[in-house]
Amino acid sequence: MVVWSLWWVWMVGALLLAILEVVAPAQIFLGFAAGAAGVGFALLVGVPGLAGSLPLTLLVFAVLSLVAWLVLRPMLGVRKGQVKHFEHDINED
């Protein structure tokens, strides 16, 4: 059995990516963590054909990561009113 077809490897990867998101909040690692967790869960459940094909596994990971990022971005992104705009220069007097 190859390492990329083991469900727990994907779950460990998801955990590491989630920890990386906490350490370096870039709001992108969480999408990758969700994608890895989704692939790990799919391998655990036994989705047919997923464990036997590396390209299919990577495609599922990429699609799940993109969908998770698209869903999480509006919830975790910059909200209106958070950016401070300055009307005048402090050197103008």
N, C-alpha and C. Protein backbone atom coordinates (compact mmCIF):
# COMPACT_ATOMS: atom_id res chain seq x y z
N MET A 1 0.85 -1.18 0.00
CA MET A 1 0.00 0.00 0.00
C MET A 1 0.90 1.24 0.00
N VAL A 2 0.59 2.16 -0.88
CA VAL A 2 1.39 3.39 -0.98
C VAL A 2 0.89 4.42 0.03
N VAL A 3 1.80 5.30 0.41
CA VAL A 3 1.52 6.22 1.51
C VAL A 3 0.40 7.21 1.18
N TRP A 4 0.26 7.64 -0.06
CA TRP A 4 -0.77 8.63 -0.40
C TRP A 4 -2.17 8.04 -0.42
N SER A 5 -2.28 6.74 -0.32
CA SER A 5 -3.61 6.13 -0.31
C SER A 5 -4.08 5.77 1.10
N LEU A 6 -3.33 6.17 2.11
CA LEU A 6 -3.72 5.91 3.49
C LEU A 6 -4.50 7.11 4.03
N TRP A 7 -5.64 6.84 4.62
CA TRP A 7 -6.52 7.92 5.08
C TRP A 7 -5.88 8.75 6.19
N TRP A 8 -5.14 8.09 7.07
CA TRP A 8 -4.59 8.80 8.22
C TRP A 8 -3.47 9.75 7.81
N VAL A 9 -2.80 9.48 6.69
CA VAL A 9 -1.76 10.39 6.20
C VAL A 9 -2.40 11.71 5.79
N TRP A 10 -3.54 11.63 5.12
CA TRP A 10 -4.25 12.84 4.71
C TRP A 10 -4.78 13.60 5.92
N MET A 11 -5.23 12.89 6.94
CA MET A 11 -5.73 13.55 8.15
C MET A 11 -4.60 14.24 8.92
N VAL A 12 -3.43 13.61 8.97
CA VAL A 12 -2.28 14.25 9.60
C VAL A 12 -1.88 15.49 8.81
N GLY A 13 -1.91 15.38 7.47
CA GLY A 13 -1.63 16.55 6.64
C GLY A 13 -2.62 17.66 6.88
N ALA A 14 -3.90 17.32 7.03
CA ALA A 14 -4.92 18.32 7.32
C ALA A 14 -4.66 18.99 8.66
N LEU A 15 -4.28 18.21 9.65
CA LEU A 15 -3.97 18.76 10.96
C LEU A 15 -2.77 19.70 10.89
N LEU A 16 -1.73 19.32 10.18
CA LEU A 16 -0.55 20.17 10.05
C LEU A 16 -0.87 21.47 9.31
N LEU A 17 -1.71 21.38 8.28
CA LEU A 17 -2.11 22.59 7.56
C LEU A 17 -2.97 23.50 8.42
N ALA A 18 -3.82 22.92 9.25
CA ALA A 18 -4.64 23.72 10.16
C ALA A 18 -3.76 24.41 11.20
N ILE A 19 -2.75 23.72 11.70
CA ILE A 19 -1.81 24.33 12.64
C ILE A 19 -1.03 25.45 11.95
N LEU A 20 -0.63 25.23 10.71
CA LEU A 20 0.07 26.26 9.95
C LEU A 20 -0.81 27.49 9.75
N GLU A 21 -2.10 27.29 9.59
CA GLU A 21 -3.03 28.42 9.46
C GLU A 21 -3.08 29.23 10.74
N VAL A 22 -2.99 28.58 11.88
CA VAL A 22 -3.00 29.29 13.15
C VAL A 22 -1.70 30.06 13.34
N VAL A 23 -0.58 29.45 12.95
CA VAL A 23 0.72 30.08 13.12
C VAL A 23 0.90 31.24 12.14
N ALA A 24 0.51 31.04 10.90
CA ALA A 24 0.66 32.06 9.85
C ALA A 24 -0.70 32.28 9.19
N PRO A 25 -1.55 33.11 9.79
CA PRO A 25 -2.91 33.27 9.26
C PRO A 25 -2.92 33.93 7.88
N ALA A 26 -3.02 33.13 6.86
CA ALA A 26 -3.05 33.63 5.48
C ALA A 26 -4.41 33.36 4.86
N GLN A 27 -5.28 32.68 5.55
CA GLN A 27 -6.63 32.33 5.09
C GLN A 27 -6.60 31.51 3.81
N ILE A 28 -5.53 30.78 3.59
CA ILE A 28 -5.48 29.86 2.45
C ILE A 28 -5.19 28.45 2.93
N PHE A 29 -4.42 28.34 4.00
CA PHE A 29 -4.07 27.01 4.50
C PHE A 29 -5.29 26.27 5.03
N LEU A 30 -6.29 27.00 5.50
CA LEU A 30 -7.49 26.36 6.01
C LEU A 30 -8.26 25.65 4.90
N GLY A 31 -8.27 26.23 3.71
CA GLY A 31 -8.89 25.57 2.56
C GLY A 31 -8.17 24.29 2.19
N PHE A 32 -6.83 24.33 2.21
CA PHE A 32 -6.05 23.13 1.94
C PHE A 32 -6.27 22.08 3.02
N ALA A 33 -6.39 22.52 4.27
CA ALA A 33 -6.65 21.59 5.37
C ALA A 33 -8.00 20.91 5.19
N ALA A 34 -9.01 21.68 4.78
CA ALA A 34 -10.33 21.10 4.55
C ALA A 34 -10.30 20.12 3.39
N GLY A 35 -9.55 20.45 2.35
CA GLY A 35 -9.42 19.53 1.21
C GLY A 35 -8.74 18.23 1.60
N ALA A 36 -7.68 18.35 2.39
CA ALA A 36 -6.97 17.14 2.84
C ALA A 36 -7.85 16.30 3.76
N ALA A 37 -8.61 16.97 4.63
CA ALA A 37 -9.52 16.23 5.51
C ALA A 37 -10.62 15.55 4.70
N GLY A 38 -11.10 16.21 3.66
CA GLY A 38 -12.11 15.60 2.79
C GLY A 38 -11.59 14.37 2.08
N VAL A 39 -10.36 14.44 1.58
CA VAL A 39 -9.77 13.27 0.92
C VAL A 39 -9.54 12.17 1.95
N GLY A 40 -9.07 12.53 3.14
CA GLY A 40 -8.87 11.52 4.19
C GLY A 40 -10.16 10.84 4.57
N PHE A 41 -11.24 11.61 4.67
CA PHE A 41 -12.54 11.02 4.99
C PHE A 41 -13.03 10.13 3.85
N ALA A 42 -12.83 10.57 2.61
CA ALA A 42 -13.25 9.76 1.46
C ALA A 42 -12.48 8.45 1.40
N LEU A 43 -11.19 8.50 1.73
CA LEU A 43 -10.41 7.26 1.77
C LEU A 43 -10.84 6.36 2.92
N LEU A 44 -11.20 6.95 4.06
CA LEU A 44 -11.66 6.18 5.21
C LEU A 44 -12.97 5.47 4.89
N VAL A 45 -13.86 6.19 4.23
CA VAL A 45 -15.17 5.61 3.88
C VAL A 45 -15.00 4.56 2.80
N GLY A 46 -14.03 4.75 1.92
CA GLY A 46 -13.77 3.79 0.86
C GLY A 46 -14.42 4.15 -0.46
N VAL A 47 -14.28 5.41 -0.88
CA VAL A 47 -14.80 5.83 -2.18
C VAL A 47 -14.08 5.02 -3.25
N PRO A 48 -14.85 4.36 -4.13
CA PRO A 48 -14.23 3.47 -5.12
C PRO A 48 -13.31 4.22 -6.09
N GLY A 49 -12.14 3.64 -6.32
CA GLY A 49 -11.20 4.16 -7.29
C GLY A 49 -10.28 5.26 -6.77
N LEU A 50 -10.58 5.82 -5.61
CA LEU A 50 -9.80 6.94 -5.11
C LEU A 50 -8.43 6.48 -4.60
N ALA A 51 -8.37 5.38 -3.91
CA ALA A 51 -7.10 4.91 -3.33
C ALA A 51 -6.16 4.36 -4.39
N GLY A 52 -6.68 3.97 -5.53
CA GLY A 52 -5.83 3.36 -6.54
C GLY A 52 -5.26 4.32 -7.56
N SER A 53 -5.65 5.58 -7.51
CA SER A 53 -5.23 6.53 -8.54
C SER A 53 -4.72 7.82 -7.90
N LEU A 54 -3.43 8.06 -8.02
CA LEU A 54 -2.84 9.29 -7.49
C LEU A 54 -3.39 10.53 -8.20
N PRO A 55 -3.50 10.54 -9.54
CA PRO A 55 -4.05 11.73 -10.19
C PRO A 55 -5.48 12.04 -9.75
N LEU A 56 -6.31 11.02 -9.58
CA LEU A 56 -7.68 11.25 -9.13
C LEU A 56 -7.70 11.77 -7.70
N THR A 57 -6.84 11.23 -6.86
CA THR A 57 -6.76 11.69 -5.47
C THR A 57 -6.34 13.15 -5.41
N LEU A 58 -5.34 13.53 -6.20
CA LEU A 58 -4.90 14.92 -6.22
C LEU A 58 -5.95 15.85 -6.81
N LEU A 59 -6.70 15.35 -7.80
CA LEU A 59 -7.78 16.16 -8.37
C LEU A 59 -8.88 16.40 -7.34
N VAL A 60 -9.24 15.37 -6.61
CA VAL A 60 -10.27 15.52 -5.57
C VAL A 60 -9.77 16.48 -4.49
N PHE A 61 -8.50 16.36 -4.11
CA PHE A 61 -7.92 17.27 -3.13
C PHE A 61 -7.97 18.71 -3.63
N ALA A 62 -7.61 18.94 -4.88
CA ALA A 62 -7.62 20.30 -5.43
C ALA A 62 -9.03 20.87 -5.49
N VAL A 63 -9.98 20.08 -5.94
CA VAL A 63 -11.36 20.56 -6.05
C VAL A 63 -11.94 20.84 -4.66
N LEU A 64 -11.73 19.94 -3.71
CA LEU A 64 -12.24 20.17 -2.35
C LEU A 64 -11.58 21.39 -1.70
N SER A 65 -10.29 21.58 -1.94
CA SER A 65 -9.60 22.74 -1.39
C SER A 65 -10.13 24.03 -1.98
N LEU A 66 -10.37 24.05 -3.28
CA LEU A 66 -10.90 25.24 -3.93
C LEU A 66 -12.30 25.57 -3.43
N VAL A 67 -13.14 24.55 -3.34
CA VAL A 67 -14.51 24.77 -2.85
C VAL A 67 -14.48 25.27 -1.40
N ALA A 68 -13.64 24.67 -0.58
CA ALA A 68 -13.54 25.10 0.82
C ALA A 68 -13.04 26.54 0.91
N TRP A 69 -12.06 26.89 0.08
CA TRP A 69 -11.54 28.25 0.10
C TRP A 69 -12.61 29.25 -0.36
N LEU A 70 -13.36 28.89 -1.40
CA LEU A 70 -14.41 29.77 -1.90
C LEU A 70 -15.53 29.96 -0.88
N VAL A 71 -15.81 28.93 -0.09
CA VAL A 71 -16.84 29.03 0.93
C VAL A 71 -16.33 29.81 2.15
N LEU A 72 -15.08 29.56 2.54
CA LEU A 72 -14.54 30.19 3.75
C LEU A 72 -14.09 31.63 3.53
N ARG A 73 -13.73 31.99 2.32
CA ARG A 73 -13.20 33.34 2.07
C ARG A 73 -14.19 34.44 2.44
N PRO A 74 -15.46 34.36 2.03
CA PRO A 74 -16.38 35.43 2.44
C PRO A 74 -16.61 35.48 3.96
N MET A 75 -16.52 34.33 4.62
CA MET A 75 -16.74 34.30 6.06
C MET A 75 -15.54 34.82 6.84
N LEU A 76 -14.32 34.55 6.35
CA LEU A 76 -13.11 34.89 7.10
C LEU A 76 -12.33 36.05 6.51
N GLY A 77 -12.73 36.54 5.35
CA GLY A 77 -11.99 37.59 4.67
C GLY A 77 -12.20 38.96 5.29
N VAL A 78 -11.66 39.96 4.62
CA VAL A 78 -11.79 41.33 5.09
C VAL A 78 -13.24 41.77 4.94
N ARG A 79 -13.79 42.28 6.01
CA ARG A 79 -15.18 42.74 5.98
C ARG A 79 -15.21 44.24 5.72
N LYS A 80 -16.33 44.71 5.24
CA LYS A 80 -16.46 46.15 4.99
C LYS A 80 -16.34 46.90 6.30
N GLY A 81 -15.63 48.01 6.25
CA GLY A 81 -15.45 48.82 7.43
C GLY A 81 -14.21 48.48 8.23
N GLN A 82 -13.49 47.44 7.86
CA GLN A 82 -12.28 47.07 8.60
C GLN A 82 -11.06 47.86 8.13
N VAL A 83 -11.10 48.37 6.92
CA VAL A 83 -9.96 49.10 6.39
C VAL A 83 -10.11 50.56 6.77
N LYS A 84 -9.08 51.10 7.39
CA LYS A 84 -9.14 52.49 7.82
C LYS A 84 -8.62 53.38 6.70
N HIS A 85 -9.41 54.40 6.36
CA HIS A 85 -9.03 55.37 5.34
C HIS A 85 -8.70 56.69 6.02
N PHE A 86 -7.61 57.29 5.63
CA PHE A 86 -7.20 58.58 6.16
C PHE A 86 -7.56 59.66 5.17
N GLU A 87 -8.21 60.71 5.65
CA GLU A 87 -8.65 61.80 4.79
C GLU A 87 -7.60 62.89 4.62
N HIS A 88 -6.70 62.99 5.55
CA HIS A 88 -5.68 64.03 5.45
C HIS A 88 -4.33 63.48 5.88
N ASP A 89 -3.32 64.18 5.44
CA ASP A 89 -1.95 63.81 5.77
C ASP A 89 -1.59 64.47 7.10
N ILE A 90 -0.89 63.75 7.96
CA ILE A 90 -0.53 64.31 9.26
C ILE A 90 0.50 65.43 9.12
N ASN A 91 1.17 65.51 8.01
CA ASN A 91 2.17 66.55 7.79
C ASN A 91 1.57 67.85 7.25
N GLU A 92 0.30 67.82 6.91
CA GLU A 92 -0.35 69.02 6.40
C GLU A 92 -0.88 69.86 7.56
N ASP A 93 -0.26 70.97 7.81
CA ASP A 93 -0.72 71.90 8.84
C ASP A 93 -0.39 73.30 8.47
